Every structure is written in C-alpha cells, then in structure tokens.
N, C-alpha and C. Protein backbone atom coordinates (compact mmCIF):
# COMPACT_ATOMS: atom_id res chain seq x y z
N MET A 1 11.52 10.19 9.57
CA MET A 1 10.22 9.94 10.21
C MET A 1 11.19 8.58 11.06
N ASN A 2 10.42 7.43 11.64
CA ASN A 2 11.05 6.36 12.33
C ASN A 2 9.97 5.76 11.99
N PRO A 3 9.92 4.03 12.03
CA PRO A 3 8.42 2.96 11.79
C PRO A 3 8.30 2.86 12.89
N ILE A 4 6.86 2.89 12.90
CA ILE A 4 5.79 2.67 14.25
C ILE A 4 6.20 1.01 14.43
N GLY A 5 6.05 0.33 13.26
CA GLY A 5 6.20 -1.47 13.33
C GLY A 5 6.28 -1.58 11.90
N ILE A 6 6.26 -2.96 11.82
CA ILE A 6 6.86 -3.86 10.51
C ILE A 6 5.42 -4.79 9.48
N ILE A 7 5.65 -4.57 8.21
CA ILE A 7 4.50 -5.65 7.94
C ILE A 7 5.08 -6.47 7.18
N HIS A 8 4.37 -8.27 7.53
CA HIS A 8 4.67 -8.76 7.32
C HIS A 8 3.54 -10.03 6.05
N THR A 9 4.27 -10.10 5.08
CA THR A 9 3.33 -10.36 4.37
C THR A 9 4.00 -11.88 3.82
N LEU A 10 3.57 -12.10 1.94
CA LEU A 10 3.95 -13.51 1.65
C LEU A 10 5.02 -13.12 0.27
N TYR A 11 4.93 -11.99 0.15
CA TYR A 11 6.06 -11.34 -0.78
C TYR A 11 7.46 -11.28 -0.67
N LYS A 12 8.13 -11.43 -0.93
CA LYS A 12 10.44 -12.19 -0.66
C LYS A 12 10.67 -11.31 -2.17
N THR A 13 9.51 -10.96 -2.89
CA THR A 13 10.25 -10.40 -4.05
C THR A 13 9.54 -9.42 -4.80
N LYS A 14 10.02 -8.29 -5.30
CA LYS A 14 9.18 -6.89 -5.74
C LYS A 14 8.39 -7.99 -7.46
N GLN A 15 9.28 -9.08 -7.70
CA GLN A 15 8.58 -9.62 -8.67
C GLN A 15 7.54 -10.10 -8.35
N ASP A 16 7.35 -10.52 -7.11
CA ASP A 16 5.61 -11.21 -6.13
C ASP A 16 4.85 -10.75 -6.06
N CYS A 17 5.28 -9.21 -5.60
CA CYS A 17 4.37 -8.45 -4.84
C CYS A 17 3.16 -7.88 -6.06
N PRO A 18 2.26 -7.84 -5.61
CA PRO A 18 0.53 -7.45 -6.74
C PRO A 18 1.23 -5.72 -6.33
N ILE A 19 0.64 -5.10 -7.33
CA ILE A 19 0.96 -3.92 -7.61
C ILE A 19 0.06 -2.64 -6.86
N GLN A 20 -1.18 -3.39 -6.85
CA GLN A 20 -1.90 -2.37 -6.04
C GLN A 20 -2.89 -3.50 -4.80
N PRO A 21 -3.26 -2.86 -3.74
CA PRO A 21 -4.25 -4.20 -3.00
C PRO A 21 -5.39 -4.91 -3.69
N LEU A 22 -6.01 -4.19 -4.74
CA LEU A 22 -6.88 -5.00 -5.12
C LEU A 22 -6.71 -5.80 -5.60
N TYR A 23 -5.38 -6.36 -6.01
CA TYR A 23 -4.94 -7.55 -6.90
C TYR A 23 -4.48 -8.42 -5.31
N ALA A 24 -4.13 -8.09 -4.76
CA ALA A 24 -3.84 -8.58 -3.08
C ALA A 24 -5.23 -9.32 -2.18
N ALA A 25 -6.32 -9.05 -3.05
CA ALA A 25 -7.60 -9.54 -2.10
C ALA A 25 -7.52 -11.06 -1.75
N GLY A 26 -7.89 -11.57 -0.90
CA GLY A 26 -7.67 -12.86 -0.41
C GLY A 26 -6.16 -13.16 0.22
N VAL A 27 -5.36 -12.02 -0.10
CA VAL A 27 -3.96 -12.49 0.69
C VAL A 27 -3.56 -11.31 1.79
N GLU A 28 -3.78 -12.65 2.80
CA GLU A 28 -3.26 -11.99 4.63
C GLU A 28 -2.26 -11.77 5.07
N GLY A 29 -2.05 -10.54 5.22
CA GLY A 29 -0.81 -9.91 5.83
C GLY A 29 -1.01 -9.75 6.98
N ARG A 30 0.14 -9.35 8.25
CA ARG A 30 0.11 -9.13 9.58
C ARG A 30 1.17 -7.93 9.64
N VAL A 31 0.27 -7.12 10.27
CA VAL A 31 0.52 -5.57 10.83
C VAL A 31 1.30 -5.40 12.09
N GLU A 32 2.66 -5.83 12.32
CA GLU A 32 3.43 -5.51 13.60
C GLU A 32 3.41 -4.25 14.27
N VAL A 33 2.94 -3.62 14.88
CA VAL A 33 2.54 -2.15 15.85
C VAL A 33 3.88 -2.40 16.46
N PHE A 34 4.36 -1.82 16.74
CA PHE A 34 6.08 -1.80 18.32
C PHE A 34 5.37 -1.53 18.79
N GLU A 35 5.81 -2.01 20.52
CA GLU A 35 4.92 -2.23 21.62
C GLU A 35 4.46 -0.93 22.10
N GLN A 36 5.60 -0.18 21.70
CA GLN A 36 5.85 1.76 22.61
C GLN A 36 5.04 2.28 22.13
N TYR A 37 4.19 1.69 20.84
CA TYR A 37 2.72 2.37 20.14
C TYR A 37 1.59 1.51 20.05
N VAL A 38 1.57 0.44 20.72
CA VAL A 38 0.44 -0.31 21.30
C VAL A 38 -0.42 0.32 21.21
N GLU A 39 -0.43 0.88 22.48
CA GLU A 39 -1.90 1.74 22.91
C GLU A 39 -2.58 2.76 22.06
N GLY A 40 -1.95 3.04 20.48
CA GLY A 40 -2.15 4.25 19.81
C GLY A 40 -2.97 3.45 18.60
N LEU A 41 -3.05 2.22 19.30
CA LEU A 41 -4.74 0.67 17.95
C LEU A 41 -5.79 1.16 18.76
N LYS A 42 -5.71 1.67 20.11
CA LYS A 42 -7.63 1.24 20.80
C LYS A 42 -8.23 1.80 19.68
N ASP A 43 -9.40 1.16 19.80
CA ASP A 43 -10.45 1.59 18.24
C ASP A 43 -9.99 0.96 17.08
N VAL A 44 -9.14 0.90 16.77
CA VAL A 44 -9.09 0.83 15.33
C VAL A 44 -9.58 -0.94 14.94
N GLU A 45 -9.67 -1.64 15.96
CA GLU A 45 -10.54 -2.90 15.03
C GLU A 45 -12.14 -2.49 15.03
N LEU A 46 -12.58 -1.28 15.11
CA LEU A 46 -14.16 -1.39 15.40
C LEU A 46 -14.34 -0.36 13.34
N PHE A 47 -13.28 -0.09 12.78
CA PHE A 47 -13.30 0.40 11.19
C PHE A 47 -12.73 -0.82 10.66
N SER A 48 -13.57 -1.21 9.08
CA SER A 48 -13.31 -2.26 8.48
C SER A 48 -12.10 -2.20 7.78
N HIS A 49 -11.74 -0.84 7.20
CA HIS A 49 -10.76 -0.79 6.67
C HIS A 49 -9.62 0.28 7.24
N ILE A 50 -8.93 0.15 6.60
CA ILE A 50 -7.77 0.80 7.50
C ILE A 50 -6.55 1.52 6.19
N TYR A 51 -6.03 2.65 6.11
CA TYR A 51 -5.07 3.11 5.29
C TYR A 51 -3.47 2.79 6.11
N LEU A 52 -2.87 2.10 5.47
CA LEU A 52 -1.41 1.63 5.95
C LEU A 52 -0.33 2.67 4.68
N LEU A 53 0.53 3.50 5.79
CA LEU A 53 1.44 4.03 5.47
C LEU A 53 2.89 3.34 5.94
N TYR A 54 3.96 3.46 4.73
CA TYR A 54 5.06 2.24 4.61
C TYR A 54 5.81 2.96 4.00
N HIS A 55 7.23 2.95 4.02
CA HIS A 55 8.43 2.78 3.27
C HIS A 55 8.40 1.80 2.14
N PHE A 56 8.33 2.38 1.42
CA PHE A 56 9.41 1.58 -0.38
C PHE A 56 10.62 1.84 -0.20
N ASP A 57 10.87 0.44 0.95
CA ASP A 57 12.62 0.46 1.19
C ASP A 57 13.44 -0.14 0.25
N ARG A 58 13.02 -0.82 -0.23
CA ARG A 58 13.57 -1.70 -1.61
C ARG A 58 13.64 -1.38 -2.84
N ALA A 59 12.74 -0.29 -2.86
CA ALA A 59 12.73 0.51 -4.63
C ALA A 59 13.99 1.26 -5.38
N ASP A 60 13.68 0.72 -6.89
CA ASP A 60 14.66 1.31 -7.19
C ASP A 60 15.09 2.98 -7.12
N ALA A 61 15.89 3.52 -8.29
CA ALA A 61 16.35 4.96 -7.97
C ALA A 61 15.47 5.82 -8.14
N ILE A 62 15.71 7.00 -7.94
CA ILE A 62 13.78 7.97 -8.13
C ILE A 62 14.25 8.50 -9.25
N GLN A 63 12.94 8.57 -9.65
CA GLN A 63 12.74 8.99 -11.54
C GLN A 63 11.50 9.39 -11.38
N LEU A 64 11.78 10.99 -11.58
CA LEU A 64 11.04 11.62 -11.76
C LEU A 64 9.78 11.70 -12.70
N VAL A 65 10.40 11.64 -14.08
CA VAL A 65 9.27 10.91 -14.91
C VAL A 65 9.61 9.31 -15.61
N ARG A 66 8.88 8.05 -15.86
CA ARG A 66 8.77 7.61 -15.82
C ARG A 66 7.49 6.99 -16.70
N PRO A 67 7.86 5.54 -17.60
CA PRO A 67 6.11 4.73 -17.46
C PRO A 67 5.78 3.73 -16.44
N THR A 68 4.71 3.42 -16.98
CA THR A 68 4.24 2.89 -14.64
C THR A 68 3.93 1.78 -15.34
N PHE A 69 3.52 0.98 -14.45
CA PHE A 69 3.14 -0.46 -14.46
C PHE A 69 1.68 -0.41 -16.36
N LEU A 70 1.11 0.48 -15.89
CA LEU A 70 -0.22 0.17 -16.71
C LEU A 70 -0.01 0.90 -17.98
N ASP A 71 1.03 1.94 -18.06
CA ASP A 71 0.74 2.80 -19.32
C ASP A 71 2.33 3.05 -19.76
N ASP A 72 3.07 3.20 -21.34
CA ASP A 72 4.39 3.31 -21.29
C ASP A 72 4.83 4.20 -21.74
N THR A 73 4.10 5.31 -22.10
CA THR A 73 3.75 6.86 -21.95
C THR A 73 4.28 7.22 -20.45
N PRO A 74 5.57 8.24 -20.25
CA PRO A 74 5.96 8.70 -18.98
C PRO A 74 5.29 9.42 -18.69
N HIS A 75 4.91 9.42 -17.38
CA HIS A 75 4.13 10.47 -16.06
C HIS A 75 4.87 10.72 -15.98
N GLY A 76 4.75 11.98 -14.88
CA GLY A 76 5.62 12.74 -13.50
C GLY A 76 5.06 11.69 -12.83
N ILE A 77 6.07 11.37 -11.85
CA ILE A 77 5.92 10.62 -10.53
C ILE A 77 5.11 10.87 -9.39
N TYR A 78 4.56 12.44 -9.54
CA TYR A 78 3.64 12.76 -8.75
C TYR A 78 2.09 12.35 -9.65
N ALA A 79 2.10 11.39 -10.29
CA ALA A 79 0.91 11.53 -11.53
C ALA A 79 0.59 9.77 -11.74
N SER A 80 1.23 9.61 -10.65
CA SER A 80 1.63 7.79 -10.84
C SER A 80 1.53 7.58 -9.12
N ARG A 81 1.36 6.30 -8.84
CA ARG A 81 1.49 5.53 -7.99
C ARG A 81 2.86 4.72 -7.44
N HIS A 82 4.13 4.73 -8.68
CA HIS A 82 5.13 4.23 -8.48
C HIS A 82 6.24 4.52 -7.61
N PRO A 83 6.73 3.49 -6.97
CA PRO A 83 7.55 3.81 -5.77
C PRO A 83 8.58 4.42 -5.60
N CYS A 84 9.15 4.17 -7.04
CA CYS A 84 10.88 4.79 -6.80
C CYS A 84 10.59 6.46 -7.01
N ARG A 85 10.25 7.34 -5.80
CA ARG A 85 9.82 8.49 -5.42
C ARG A 85 10.98 9.04 -4.35
N PRO A 86 10.95 10.47 -4.49
CA PRO A 86 12.24 10.92 -3.77
C PRO A 86 12.02 10.55 -2.37
N ASN A 87 10.59 10.64 -1.60
CA ASN A 87 10.64 9.59 -0.54
C ASN A 87 9.77 8.59 0.18
N GLY A 88 9.91 7.82 -0.94
CA GLY A 88 9.50 6.67 -0.69
C GLY A 88 7.94 6.12 0.41
N ILE A 89 7.51 6.84 0.25
CA ILE A 89 6.35 6.65 1.04
C ILE A 89 4.96 6.08 0.08
N GLY A 90 4.61 5.21 0.11
CA GLY A 90 3.47 4.11 0.03
C GLY A 90 2.52 4.52 1.00
N MET A 91 1.15 4.23 0.19
CA MET A 91 0.17 3.94 1.05
C MET A 91 -0.67 3.25 0.39
N SER A 92 -1.53 1.97 0.85
CA SER A 92 -2.66 0.89 0.88
C SER A 92 -3.34 0.88 1.92
N ILE A 93 -4.82 0.86 1.17
CA ILE A 93 -6.05 0.95 2.43
C ILE A 93 -6.40 -0.91 1.73
N VAL A 94 -6.40 -1.64 3.41
CA VAL A 94 -6.54 -2.79 3.31
C VAL A 94 -7.73 -3.07 4.29
N LYS A 95 -8.25 -4.60 4.11
CA LYS A 95 -9.28 -4.79 4.95
C LYS A 95 -9.15 -5.42 6.14
N LEU A 96 -9.31 -4.35 6.86
CA LEU A 96 -8.91 -5.12 8.85
C LEU A 96 -9.73 -6.39 9.11
N ILE A 97 -8.80 -7.78 9.41
CA ILE A 97 -9.75 -8.48 9.68
C ILE A 97 -10.22 -8.72 11.02
N ARG A 98 -8.72 -8.50 11.75
CA ARG A 98 -8.92 -8.40 13.22
C ARG A 98 -7.41 -7.88 13.66
N ARG A 99 -7.71 -7.91 15.02
CA ARG A 99 -6.29 -7.29 16.02
C ARG A 99 -6.36 -8.20 16.63
N GLU A 100 -4.83 -8.72 17.04
CA GLU A 100 -4.92 -9.48 18.11
C GLU A 100 -3.23 -8.88 18.84
N GLY A 101 -3.79 -7.85 19.81
CA GLY A 101 -2.64 -7.57 20.37
C GLY A 101 -2.36 -6.48 19.50
N ASN A 102 -1.07 -6.29 19.59
CA ASN A 102 0.08 -5.17 18.95
C ASN A 102 -0.05 -5.96 17.26
N VAL A 103 -0.82 -6.82 16.82
CA VAL A 103 -0.67 -7.41 15.46
C VAL A 103 -2.04 -7.29 14.68
N LEU A 104 -2.11 -6.18 13.72
CA LEU A 104 -3.43 -6.44 13.06
C LEU A 104 -3.29 -7.22 11.96
N ILE A 105 -4.30 -7.77 11.84
CA ILE A 105 -4.44 -9.24 10.29
C ILE A 105 -4.90 -8.86 9.25
N VAL A 106 -4.54 -7.97 7.78
CA VAL A 106 -5.45 -7.71 7.31
C VAL A 106 -5.63 -8.20 5.97
N ASP A 107 -6.24 -7.87 4.98
CA ASP A 107 -6.94 -8.65 3.80
C ASP A 107 -5.92 -7.53 2.59
N GLY A 108 -5.51 -7.93 2.08
CA GLY A 108 -5.10 -7.16 0.48
C GLY A 108 -3.48 -6.45 0.91
N ALA A 109 -3.07 -6.90 1.55
CA ALA A 109 -1.61 -6.67 1.96
C ALA A 109 -0.69 -6.60 0.50
N ASP A 110 -0.16 -5.29 -0.02
CA ASP A 110 0.70 -5.66 -1.37
C ASP A 110 1.52 -4.84 -1.17
N MET A 111 2.44 -5.04 -0.19
CA MET A 111 3.84 -4.87 -0.06
C MET A 111 4.78 -6.30 0.04
N LEU A 112 5.75 -5.25 0.77
CA LEU A 112 6.58 -6.72 0.57
C LEU A 112 6.88 -7.29 2.01
N ASP A 113 7.51 -8.56 2.18
CA ASP A 113 7.67 -8.20 3.82
C ASP A 113 8.53 -7.84 4.41
N ALA A 114 8.65 -7.82 5.35
CA ALA A 114 9.45 -6.59 6.48
C ALA A 114 9.47 -5.48 5.91
N THR A 115 8.46 -4.83 5.53
CA THR A 115 8.30 -3.26 5.04
C THR A 115 7.87 -2.19 6.18
N PRO A 116 9.14 -1.44 6.42
CA PRO A 116 8.55 -0.51 7.70
C PRO A 116 7.62 0.62 7.97
N LEU A 117 6.36 -0.02 8.83
CA LEU A 117 5.08 0.64 8.81
C LEU A 117 5.42 2.62 9.54
N LEU A 118 4.80 3.03 8.68
CA LEU A 118 5.21 4.49 9.50
C LEU A 118 3.95 5.20 9.87
N ASP A 119 2.93 4.55 9.76
CA ASP A 119 1.61 5.25 10.48
C ASP A 119 0.13 4.47 10.03
N ILE A 120 -0.88 4.55 10.78
CA ILE A 120 -2.17 3.82 10.01
C ILE A 120 -2.77 4.96 10.14
N LYS A 121 -3.82 4.95 9.24
CA LYS A 121 -4.86 5.73 9.28
C LYS A 121 -6.55 4.84 9.09
N PRO A 122 -7.51 5.74 9.59
CA PRO A 122 -8.80 4.58 9.45
C PRO A 122 -9.64 5.23 8.06
N TYR A 123 -9.85 4.42 7.40
CA TYR A 123 -10.33 4.70 6.13
C TYR A 123 -12.25 5.24 6.48
N ILE A 124 -12.62 6.22 6.33
CA ILE A 124 -13.84 6.64 6.30
C ILE A 124 -14.81 6.77 5.31
N ALA A 125 -15.19 6.33 4.98
CA ALA A 125 -15.97 6.46 3.24
C ALA A 125 -16.53 7.58 3.35
N LYS A 126 -17.51 8.82 4.47
CA LYS A 126 -17.33 10.12 4.09
C LYS A 126 -16.84 10.87 3.79
N PHE A 127 -15.04 10.63 4.67
CA PHE A 127 -14.50 11.55 4.14
C PHE A 127 -13.29 11.09 2.96
N ASP A 128 -13.33 9.65 2.53
CA ASP A 128 -12.32 9.50 1.82
C ASP A 128 -13.02 9.04 -0.12
N ALA A 129 -14.27 9.02 0.26
CA ALA A 129 -14.18 8.27 -1.32
C ALA A 129 -15.34 9.82 -1.84
N PHE A 130 -14.81 9.31 -3.35
CA PHE A 130 -15.28 10.85 -4.02
C PHE A 130 -15.73 9.81 -5.10
N PRO A 131 -16.68 9.83 -5.71
CA PRO A 131 -17.01 8.84 -6.57
C PRO A 131 -17.21 9.58 -7.75
N ASN A 132 -16.94 10.59 -8.00
CA ASN A 132 -16.94 11.67 -9.03
C ASN A 132 -15.56 12.19 -9.20
N ALA A 133 -14.31 11.65 -8.21
CA ALA A 133 -13.39 12.34 -8.97
C ALA A 133 -12.53 11.72 -10.58
N SER A 134 -11.89 12.50 -10.92
CA SER A 134 -11.18 12.31 -12.20
C SER A 134 -10.02 11.76 -12.36
N GLU A 135 -9.64 10.13 -12.91
CA GLU A 135 -8.86 9.65 -12.51
C GLU A 135 -7.94 10.01 -13.76
N GLY A 136 -7.22 11.33 -13.87
CA GLY A 136 -5.96 11.53 -15.09
C GLY A 136 -6.30 10.58 -16.33
N TRP A 137 -4.32 10.29 -16.83
CA TRP A 137 -4.57 10.18 -17.68
C TRP A 137 -4.84 8.42 -17.42
N PHE A 138 -5.29 7.74 -16.43
CA PHE A 138 -5.76 6.33 -16.25
C PHE A 138 -6.90 5.82 -16.55
N ALA A 139 -7.64 7.35 -16.47
CA ALA A 139 -8.73 7.05 -16.82
C ALA A 139 -9.72 5.64 -17.61
N ASP A 140 -8.77 6.21 -19.01
CA ASP A 140 -9.31 5.43 -20.49
C ASP A 140 -8.19 4.14 -20.49
N LYS A 141 -7.41 3.76 -19.47
CA LYS A 141 -6.17 2.87 -19.80
C LYS A 141 -7.23 1.33 -19.32
N ALA A 142 -6.74 0.10 -20.05
CA ALA A 142 -7.26 -1.16 -19.63
C ALA A 142 -6.22 -1.59 -18.61
N TRP A 143 -6.64 -2.49 -17.70
CA TRP A 143 -5.57 -3.47 -17.31
C TRP A 143 -4.94 -3.87 -17.87
N ARG A 144 -3.09 -4.09 -17.47
CA ARG A 144 -2.91 -5.17 -18.42
C ARG A 144 -1.84 -5.29 -17.16
N GLN A 145 -1.14 -6.66 -18.32
CA GLN A 145 0.08 -7.30 -17.26
C GLN A 145 1.33 -6.17 -16.98
N LYS A 146 1.86 -6.60 -15.97
CA LYS A 146 3.19 -6.16 -15.68
C LYS A 146 4.61 -6.60 -16.75
N PRO A 147 5.56 -5.85 -17.28
CA PRO A 147 6.29 -6.05 -18.06
C PRO A 147 6.65 -7.69 -18.15
N ASP A 148 6.65 -8.21 -16.80
CA ASP A 148 7.01 -9.66 -17.01
C ASP A 148 6.28 -10.44 -16.84
N GLY A 149 4.95 -10.47 -17.86
CA GLY A 149 4.23 -10.93 -17.28
C GLY A 149 3.26 -10.88 -16.79
N ARG A 150 3.48 -10.74 -15.30
CA ARG A 150 2.42 -10.91 -14.16
C ARG A 150 1.11 -10.06 -14.31
N GLU A 151 0.40 -10.30 -13.82
CA GLU A 151 -0.75 -9.26 -13.65
C GLU A 151 -1.37 -8.63 -12.60
C-alpha cells in the first residue's frame, strides 16, 4: 500500500497521544490528501464523520499476545486495538469539521503527527452502528490511566 496523504496533529510522541478518538475530542487535526488523490474527496464534506485508516509507522515490535492499555491480562492482538500489529493498520472515526481543498479539518485526531494516511471512508450510521454488539473482554472494564499515569 502507498499512502494517499499525511495526518497532522499536535502529538509528537507516543506519550502525548491519546489512545482513542474519544479522548482526543476537541483536538483539531489536519488530514492532507496528496494532489493526485484530491478528486476522490468529492462530496466527502457531506458527511459528519469519517473513518481514517492509517499506518502505525512508529509502533513498537509486533506482539501477538500482550496486555492492553485497559487491561493487564494479555489478549490476542486481534482482540485489541493495540498498534503492535503485523500490518500496523490503524483506524479512527473522526468528526469532519470542514474541507479546505485537499485538507480535511477533523476533530478527535488520536494519531501521531505526520502519520501516513492509507484511506478515508465515510461513517454511515445505518451500516456502521450496532448498538447490541458484544464488547468481548472489554465489556466489564472501567477506564483507567495508561501505565505512565496519563488518561
């Protein structure tokens, strides 16, 4: 895969970065789409939310089973959202504030600055929301701080 753009945020280090878009609410990010892909942005501004798929280009070594940010019990990487994955693909739903040419201004960007953008997809509640979905091992977990004390 080749990046179609780059995501700009305030977060320069992993320690600064929130672990989910919910905890980046109110934080503006800029999603710069490379010129050769700008035509594909037609009508994206009609959506309130979009999925950003990106490359965890600064993730640590792959760990197929590991504790997560929310639980000390090790879980398989495919039962978590941890970035130490074989293909290093991240996904976040962000609020689309506006489009400025080839740049999308978003709220809730929870990725490191200069993260390679792989794709954009619209969030469509009729297709993407499953209110009765099981949350697996996470269902009974309360939010806690990261190991370094950050929320």
